[in-house]
PDB file of N, CA and C in Angstrom:
ATOM      1  N   UNK A   1       9.133  -0.631 -22.120  1.00  0.00           N
ATOM      2  CA  UNK A   1       9.044  -1.459 -20.936  1.00  0.00           C
ATOM      3  C   UNK A   1       9.564  -0.680 -19.733  1.00  0.00           C
ATOM      4  N   UNK A   2       8.835  -0.744 -18.638  1.00  0.00           N
ATOM      5  CA  UNK A   2       9.211  -0.041 -17.417  1.00  0.00           C
ATOM      6  C   UNK A   2      10.133  -0.928 -16.598  1.00  0.00           C
ATOM      7  N   UNK A   3      11.290  -0.393 -16.200  1.00  0.00           N
ATOM      8  CA  UNK A   3      12.203  -1.156 -15.357  1.00  0.00           C
ATOM      9  C   UNK A   3      11.774  -1.000 -13.910  1.00  0.00           C
ATOM     10  N   UNK A   4      11.827  -2.091 -13.177  1.00  0.00           N
ATOM     11  CA  UNK A   4      11.454  -2.063 -11.774  1.00  0.00           C
ATOM     12  C   UNK A   4      11.335  -3.471 -11.244  1.00  0.00           C
ATOM     13  N   UNK A   5      10.896  -3.581 -10.023  1.00  0.00           N
ATOM     14  CA  UNK A   5      10.727  -4.887  -9.400  1.00  0.00           C
ATOM     15  C   UNK A   5       9.343  -5.421  -9.731  1.00  0.00           C
ATOM     16  N   UNK A   6       9.264  -6.711 -10.082  1.00  0.00           N
ATOM     17  CA  UNK A   6       8.007  -7.340 -10.487  1.00  0.00           C
ATOM     18  C   UNK A   6       7.585  -8.330  -9.415  1.00  0.00           C
ATOM     19  N   UNK A   7       6.330  -8.224  -8.980  1.00  0.00           N
ATOM     20  CA  UNK A   7       5.748  -9.136  -8.008  1.00  0.00           C
ATOM     21  C   UNK A   7       4.597  -9.877  -8.662  1.00  0.00           C
ATOM     22  N   UNK A   8       4.410 -11.131  -8.322  1.00  0.00           N
ATOM     23  CA  UNK A   8       3.234 -11.879  -8.761  1.00  0.00           C
ATOM     24  C   UNK A   8       2.199 -11.751  -7.658  1.00  0.00           C
ATOM     25  N   UNK A   9       0.984 -11.382  -8.023  1.00  0.00           N
ATOM     26  CA  UNK A   9      -0.061 -11.127  -7.032  1.00  0.00           C
ATOM     27  C   UNK A   9      -1.333 -11.859  -7.409  1.00  0.00           C
ATOM     28  N   UNK A  10      -2.267 -11.912  -6.477  1.00  0.00           N
ATOM     29  CA  UNK A  10      -3.586 -12.479  -6.754  1.00  0.00           C
ATOM     30  C   UNK A  10      -4.606 -11.790  -5.866  1.00  0.00           C
ATOM     31  N   UNK A  11      -5.849 -11.822  -6.317  1.00  0.00           N
ATOM     32  CA  UNK A  11      -6.956 -11.265  -5.542  1.00  0.00           C
ATOM     33  C   UNK A  11      -8.176 -12.128  -5.786  1.00  0.00           C
ATOM     34  N   UNK A  12      -9.256 -11.833  -5.086  1.00  0.00           N
ATOM     35  CA  UNK A  12     -10.470 -12.626  -5.284  1.00  0.00           C
ATOM     36  C   UNK A  12     -11.057 -12.404  -6.674  1.00  0.00           C
ATOM     37  N   UNK A  13     -10.846 -11.228  -7.259  1.00  0.00           N
ATOM     38  CA  UNK A  13     -11.383 -10.927  -8.590  1.00  0.00           C
ATOM     39  C   UNK A  13     -10.484 -11.421  -9.717  1.00  0.00           C
ATOM     40  N   UNK A  14      -9.184 -11.434  -9.497  1.00  0.00           N
ATOM     41  CA  UNK A  14      -8.223 -11.803 -10.542  1.00  0.00           C
ATOM     42  C   UNK A  14      -7.191 -12.745  -9.939  1.00  0.00           C
ATOM     43  N   UNK A  15      -7.148 -14.022 -10.393  1.00  0.00           N
ATOM     44  CA  UNK A  15      -6.281 -14.996  -9.742  1.00  0.00           C
ATOM     45  C   UNK A  15      -4.786 -14.694  -9.811  1.00  0.00           C
ATOM     46  N   UNK A  16      -4.249 -14.343 -10.951  1.00  0.00           N
ATOM     47  CA  UNK A  16      -2.804 -14.108 -11.071  1.00  0.00           C
ATOM     48  C   UNK A  16      -2.551 -12.899 -11.954  1.00  0.00           C
ATOM     49  N   UNK A  17      -1.744 -11.992 -11.462  1.00  0.00           N
ATOM     50  CA  UNK A  17      -1.323 -10.859 -12.272  1.00  0.00           C
ATOM     51  C   UNK A  17       0.000 -10.346 -11.723  1.00  0.00           C
ATOM     52  N   UNK A  18       0.662  -9.503 -12.505  1.00  0.00           N
ATOM     53  CA  UNK A  18       1.942  -8.945 -12.089  1.00  0.00           C
ATOM     54  C   UNK A  18       1.746  -7.526 -11.591  1.00  0.00           C
ATOM     55  N   UNK A  19       2.509  -7.158 -10.570  1.00  0.00           N
ATOM     56  CA  UNK A  19       2.570  -5.781 -10.099  1.00  0.00           C
ATOM     57  C   UNK A  19       3.995  -5.306 -10.354  1.00  0.00           C
ATOM     58  N   UNK A  20       4.128  -4.235 -11.119  1.00  0.00           N
ATOM     59  CA  UNK A  20       5.436  -3.678 -11.443  1.00  0.00           C
ATOM     60  C   UNK A  20       5.606  -2.388 -10.650  1.00  0.00           C
ATOM     61  N   UNK A  21       6.672  -2.318  -9.849  1.00  0.00           N
ATOM     62  CA  UNK A  21       6.955  -1.120  -9.058  1.00  0.00           C
ATOM     63  C   UNK A  21       8.309  -0.578  -9.502  1.00  0.00           C
ATOM     64  N   UNK A  22       8.321   0.577 -10.192  1.00  0.00           N
ATOM     65  CA  UNK A  22       9.589   1.115 -10.674  1.00  0.00           C
ATOM     66  C   UNK A  22      10.438   1.665  -9.532  1.00  0.00           C
ATOM     67  N   UNK A  23      11.740   1.657  -9.736  1.00  0.00           N
ATOM     68  CA  UNK A  23      12.689   2.275  -8.798  1.00  0.00           C
ATOM     69  C   UNK A  23      12.523   1.760  -7.374  1.00  0.00           C
ATOM     70  N   UNK A  24      12.555   0.448  -7.212  1.00  0.00           N
ATOM     71  CA  UNK A  24      12.291  -0.158  -5.906  1.00  0.00           C
ATOM     72  C   UNK A  24      13.573  -0.643  -5.241  1.00  0.00           C
ATOM     73  N   UNK A  25      14.677   0.000  -5.494  1.00  0.00           N
ATOM     74  CA  UNK A  25      15.950  -0.465  -4.937  1.00  0.00           C
ATOM     75  C   UNK A  25      16.003  -0.383  -3.420  1.00  0.00           C
ATOM     76  N   UNK A  26      15.512   0.676  -2.837  1.00  0.00           N
ATOM     77  CA  UNK A  26      15.651   0.893  -1.400  1.00  0.00           C
ATOM     78  C   UNK A  26      14.367   0.579  -0.639  1.00  0.00           C
ATOM     79  N   UNK A  27      13.622  -0.395  -1.105  1.00  0.00           N
ATOM     80  CA  UNK A  27      12.347  -0.719  -0.468  1.00  0.00           C
ATOM     81  C   UNK A  27      12.541  -1.728   0.653  1.00  0.00           C
ATOM     82  N   UNK A  28      11.485  -1.911   1.422  1.00  0.00           N
ATOM     83  CA  UNK A  28      11.499  -2.925   2.475  1.00  0.00           C
ATOM     84  C   UNK A  28      11.517  -4.316   1.860  1.00  0.00           C
ATOM     85  N   UNK A  29      11.980  -5.281   2.631  1.00  0.00           N
ATOM     86  CA  UNK A  29      12.046  -6.667   2.171  1.00  0.00           C
ATOM     87  C   UNK A  29      10.685  -7.334   2.334  1.00  0.00           C
ATOM     88  N   UNK A  30      10.375  -8.262   1.435  1.00  0.00           N
ATOM     89  CA  UNK A  30       9.153  -9.052   1.505  1.00  0.00           C
ATOM     90  C   UNK A  30       9.542 -10.500   1.703  1.00  0.00           C
ATOM     91  N   UNK A  31       9.080 -11.107   2.783  1.00  0.00           N
ATOM     92  CA  UNK A  31       9.325 -12.524   3.044  1.00  0.00           C
ATOM     93  C   UNK A  31       7.999 -13.260   2.992  1.00  0.00           C
ATOM     94  N   UNK A  32       7.868 -14.197   2.053  1.00  0.00           N
ATOM     95  CA  UNK A  32       6.618 -14.952   1.937  1.00  0.00           C
ATOM     96  C   UNK A  32       5.510 -14.100   1.349  1.00  0.00           C
ATOM     97  N   UNK A  33       4.285 -14.476   1.669  1.00  0.00           N
ATOM     98  CA  UNK A  33       3.114 -13.762   1.153  1.00  0.00           C
ATOM     99  C   UNK A  33       2.746 -12.631   2.100  1.00  0.00           C
ATOM    100  N   UNK A  34       2.485 -11.463   1.548  1.00  0.00           N
ATOM    101  CA  UNK A  34       2.129 -10.286   2.332  1.00  0.00           C
ATOM    102  C   UNK A  34       0.882  -9.643   1.741  1.00  0.00           C
ATOM    103  N   UNK A  35       0.075  -9.058   2.596  1.00  0.00           N
ATOM    104  CA  UNK A  35      -1.030  -8.234   2.125  1.00  0.00           C
ATOM    105  C   UNK A  35      -0.489  -6.823   1.980  1.00  0.00           C
ATOM    106  N   UNK A  36      -0.676  -6.234   0.801  1.00  0.00           N
ATOM    107  CA  UNK A  36      -0.109  -4.912   0.541  1.00  0.00           C
ATOM    108  C   UNK A  36      -1.175  -3.961   0.023  1.00  0.00           C
ATOM    109  N   UNK A  37      -0.900  -2.688   0.170  1.00  0.00           N
ATOM    110  CA  UNK A  37      -1.725  -1.626  -0.405  1.00  0.00           C
ATOM    111  C   UNK A  37      -0.907  -1.025  -1.542  1.00  0.00           C
ATOM    112  N   UNK A  38      -1.537  -0.837  -2.697  1.00  0.00           N
ATOM    113  CA  UNK A  38      -0.864  -0.232  -3.848  1.00  0.00           C
ATOM    114  C   UNK A  38      -1.076   1.274  -3.810  1.00  0.00           C
ATOM    115  N   UNK A  39      -0.006   2.035  -3.890  1.00  0.00           N
ATOM    116  CA  UNK A  39      -0.083   3.490  -3.909  1.00  0.00           C
ATOM    117  C   UNK A  39      -0.005   3.948  -5.360  1.00  0.00           C
ATOM    118  N   UNK A  40      -1.001   4.699  -5.789  1.00  0.00           N
ATOM    119  CA  UNK A  40      -1.125   5.202  -7.160  1.00  0.00           C
ATOM    120  C   UNK A  40      -1.041   4.078  -8.192  1.00  0.00           C
ATOM    121  N   UNK A  41      -1.963   3.103  -8.112  1.00  0.00           N
ATOM    122  CA  UNK A  41      -1.931   2.006  -9.084  1.00  0.00           C
ATOM    123  C   UNK A  41      -2.472   2.422 -10.447  1.00  0.00           C
ATOM    124  N   UNK A  42      -1.980   1.741 -11.476  1.00  0.00           N
ATOM    125  CA  UNK A  42      -2.476   1.915 -12.833  1.00  0.00           C
ATOM    126  C   UNK A  42      -2.494   0.531 -13.479  1.00  0.00           C
ATOM    127  N   UNK A  43      -3.601   0.171 -14.085  1.00  0.00           N
ATOM    128  CA  UNK A  43      -3.740  -1.155 -14.699  1.00  0.00           C
ATOM    129  C   UNK A  43      -3.594  -1.028 -16.205  1.00  0.00           C
ATOM    130  N   UNK A  44      -2.856  -1.972 -16.786  1.00  0.00           N
ATOM    131  CA  UNK A  44      -2.737  -2.038 -18.240  1.00  0.00           C
ATOM    132  C   UNK A  44      -3.069  -3.451 -18.681  1.00  0.00           C
ATOM    133  N   UNK A  45      -4.000  -3.581 -19.599  1.00  0.00           N
ATOM    134  CA  UNK A  45      -4.362  -4.879 -20.161  1.00  0.00           C
ATOM    135  C   UNK A  45      -3.609  -5.038 -21.473  1.00  0.00           C
ATOM    136  N   UNK A  46      -2.878  -6.153 -21.587  1.00  0.00           N
ATOM    137  CA  UNK A  46      -2.040  -6.396 -22.754  1.00  0.00           C
ATOM    138  C   UNK A  46      -2.588  -7.602 -23.511  1.00  0.00           C
ATOM    139  N   UNK A  47      -3.143  -7.386 -24.717  1.00  0.00           N
ATOM    140  CA  UNK A  47      -3.625  -8.531 -25.494  1.00  0.00           C
ATOM    141  C   UNK A  47      -2.456  -9.316 -26.068  1.00  0.00           C
ATOM    142  N   UNK A  48      -2.587 -10.627 -26.079  1.00  0.00           N
ATOM    143  CA  UNK A  48      -1.544 -11.499 -26.635  1.00  0.00           C
ATOM    144  C   UNK A  48      -2.188 -12.445 -27.631  1.00  0.00           C
ATOM    145  N   UNK A  49      -1.461 -12.735 -28.686  1.00  0.00           N
ATOM    146  CA  UNK A  49      -1.952 -13.659 -29.707  1.00  0.00           C
ATOM    147  C   UNK A  49      -1.052 -14.873 -29.723  1.00  0.00           C
ATOM    148  N   UNK A  50      -1.652 -16.039 -29.637  1.00  0.00           N
ATOM    149  CA  UNK A  50      -0.919 -17.294 -29.694  1.00  0.00           C
ATOM    150  C   UNK A  50      -0.959 -17.789 -31.133  1.00  0.00           C
ATOM    151  N   UNK A  51       0.200 -17.953 -31.747  1.00  0.00           N
ATOM    152  CA  UNK A  51       0.247 -18.386 -33.146  1.00  0.00           C
ATOM    153  C   UNK A  51      -0.235 -19.814 -33.337  1.00  0.00           C
ATOM    154  N   UNK A  52      -0.221 -20.612 -32.292  1.00  0.00           N
ATOM    155  CA  UNK A  52      -0.704 -21.988 -32.400  1.00  0.00           C
ATOM    156  C   UNK A  52      -2.210 -21.965 -32.184  1.00  0.00           C
ATOM    157  N   UNK A  53      -2.953 -22.197 -33.219  1.00  0.00           N
ATOM    158  CA  UNK A  53      -4.405 -22.214 -33.116  1.00  0.00           C
ATOM    159  C   UNK A  53      -5.048 -20.848 -33.169  1.00  0.00           C
ATOM    160  N   UNK A  54      -4.254 -19.802 -33.398  1.00  0.00           N
ATOM    161  CA  UNK A  54      -4.779 -18.434 -33.501  1.00  0.00           C
ATOM    162  C   UNK A  54      -5.667 -18.038 -32.329  1.00  0.00           C
ATOM    163  N   UNK A  55      -5.312 -18.450 -31.126  1.00  0.00           N
ATOM    164  CA  UNK A  55      -6.078 -18.047 -29.950  1.00  0.00           C
ATOM    165  C   UNK A  55      -5.529 -16.733 -29.410  1.00  0.00           C
ATOM    166  N   UNK A  56      -6.355 -16.041 -28.675  1.00  0.00           N
ATOM    167  CA  UNK A  56      -5.953 -14.765 -28.083  1.00  0.00           C
ATOM    168  C   UNK A  56      -6.204 -14.798 -26.588  1.00  0.00           C
ATOM    169  N   UNK A  57      -5.390 -14.080 -25.875  1.00  0.00           N
ATOM    170  CA  UNK A  57      -5.575 -13.974 -24.429  1.00  0.00           C
ATOM    171  C   UNK A  57      -5.228 -12.555 -24.001  1.00  0.00           C
ATOM    172  N   UNK A  58      -5.565 -12.227 -22.770  1.00  0.00           N
ATOM    173  CA  UNK A  58      -5.276 -10.904 -22.228  1.00  0.00           C
ATOM    174  C   UNK A  58      -4.485 -11.068 -20.948  1.00  0.00           C
ATOM    175  N   UNK A  59      -3.424 -10.313 -20.808  1.00  0.00           N
ATOM    176  CA  UNK A  59      -2.654 -10.278 -19.571  1.00  0.00           C
ATOM    177  C   UNK A  59      -2.904  -8.946 -18.890  1.00  0.00           C
ATOM    178  N   UNK A  60      -3.044  -8.979 -17.569  1.00  0.00           N
ATOM    179  CA  UNK A  60      -3.231  -7.760 -16.809  1.00  0.00           C
ATOM    180  C   UNK A  60      -1.944  -7.449 -16.053  1.00  0.00           C
ATOM    181  N   UNK A  61      -1.426  -6.242 -16.237  1.00  0.00           N
ATOM    182  CA  UNK A  61      -0.234  -5.799 -15.522  1.00  0.00           C
ATOM    183  C   UNK A  61      -0.614  -4.557 -14.728  1.00  0.00           C
ATOM    184  N   UNK A  62      -0.253  -4.546 -13.449  1.00  0.00           N
ATOM    185  CA  UNK A  62      -0.537  -3.410 -12.580  1.00  0.00           C
ATOM    186  C   UNK A  62       0.775  -2.694 -12.291  1.00  0.00           C
ATOM    187  N   UNK A  63       0.784  -1.396 -12.513  1.00  0.00           N
ATOM    188  CA  UNK A  63       1.939  -0.570 -12.169  1.00  0.00           C
ATOM    189  C   UNK A  63       1.568   0.219 -10.916  1.00  0.00           C
ATOM    190  N   UNK A  64       2.482   0.302  -9.963  1.00  0.00           N
ATOM    191  CA  UNK A  64       2.222   1.050  -8.736  1.00  0.00           C
ATOM    192  C   UNK A  64       3.444   1.887  -8.395  1.00  0.00           C
ATOM    193  N   UNK A  65       3.192   3.065  -7.843  1.00  0.00           N
ATOM    194  CA  UNK A  65       4.302   3.930  -7.439  1.00  0.00           C
ATOM    195  C   UNK A  65       5.023   3.355  -6.230  1.00  0.00           C
ATOM    196  N   UNK A  66       4.257   2.705  -5.342  1.00  0.00           N
ATOM    197  CA  UNK A  66       4.851   2.165  -4.121  1.00  0.00           C
ATOM    198  C   UNK A  66       3.946   1.079  -3.559  1.00  0.00           C
ATOM    199  N   UNK A  67       4.530   0.133  -2.823  1.00  0.00           N
ATOM    200  CA  UNK A  67       3.778  -0.884  -2.086  1.00  0.00           C
ATOM    201  C   UNK A  67       3.916  -0.609  -0.600  1.00  0.00           C
ATOM    202  N   UNK A  68       2.807  -0.748   0.141  1.00  0.00           N
ATOM    203  CA  UNK A  68       2.850  -0.627   1.598  1.00  0.00           C
ATOM    204  C   UNK A  68       2.294  -1.908   2.191  1.00  0.00           C
ATOM    205  N   UNK A  69       3.026  -2.529   3.093  1.00  0.00           N
ATOM    206  CA  UNK A  69       2.563  -3.757   3.743  1.00  0.00           C
ATOM    207  C   UNK A  69       1.499  -3.388   4.769  1.00  0.00           C
ATOM    208  N   UNK A  70       0.326  -4.055   4.695  1.00  0.00           N
ATOM    209  CA  UNK A  70      -0.751  -3.785   5.654  1.00  0.00           C
ATOM    210  C   UNK A  70      -1.068  -4.990   6.517  1.00  0.00           C
ATOM    211  N   UNK A  71      -0.552  -6.169   6.173  1.00  0.00           N
ATOM    212  CA  UNK A  71      -0.825  -7.375   6.953  1.00  0.00           C
ATOM    213  C   UNK A  71       0.440  -8.175   7.149  1.00  0.00           C
ATOM    214  N   UNK A  72       0.350  -9.209   7.972  1.00  0.00           N
ATOM    215  CA  UNK A  72       1.499 -10.069   8.228  1.00  0.00           C
ATOM    216  C   UNK A  72       1.622 -11.163   7.199  1.00  0.00           C
ATOM    217  N   UNK A  73       2.555 -12.074   7.425  1.00  0.00           N
ATOM    218  CA  UNK A  73       2.765 -13.204   6.512  1.00  0.00           C
ATOM    219  C   UNK A  73       1.543 -14.083   6.477  1.00  0.00           C
ATOM    220  N   UNK A  74       1.270 -14.624   5.300  1.00  0.00           N
ATOM    221  CA  UNK A  74       0.114 -15.513   5.116  1.00  0.00           C
ATOM    222  C   UNK A  74       0.580 -16.916   4.878  1.00  0.00           C
TER     223      UNK A  74
END
């Protein structure tokens, strides 16, 4: 597991996913919703199995080296 700050994000293609940014101690503050650019993103799809009913799902986690704010509060 990568240690870092976790953000919940959404886009028109994917409603909810996590963005993990390692070593984000000295980053800028985020207030409310912001439009950001991901620097050096990497996507990992994690399959999950639910023991109740033997259903399966996929979680998408995005890792980024850095976030840059490109828009104002939404």
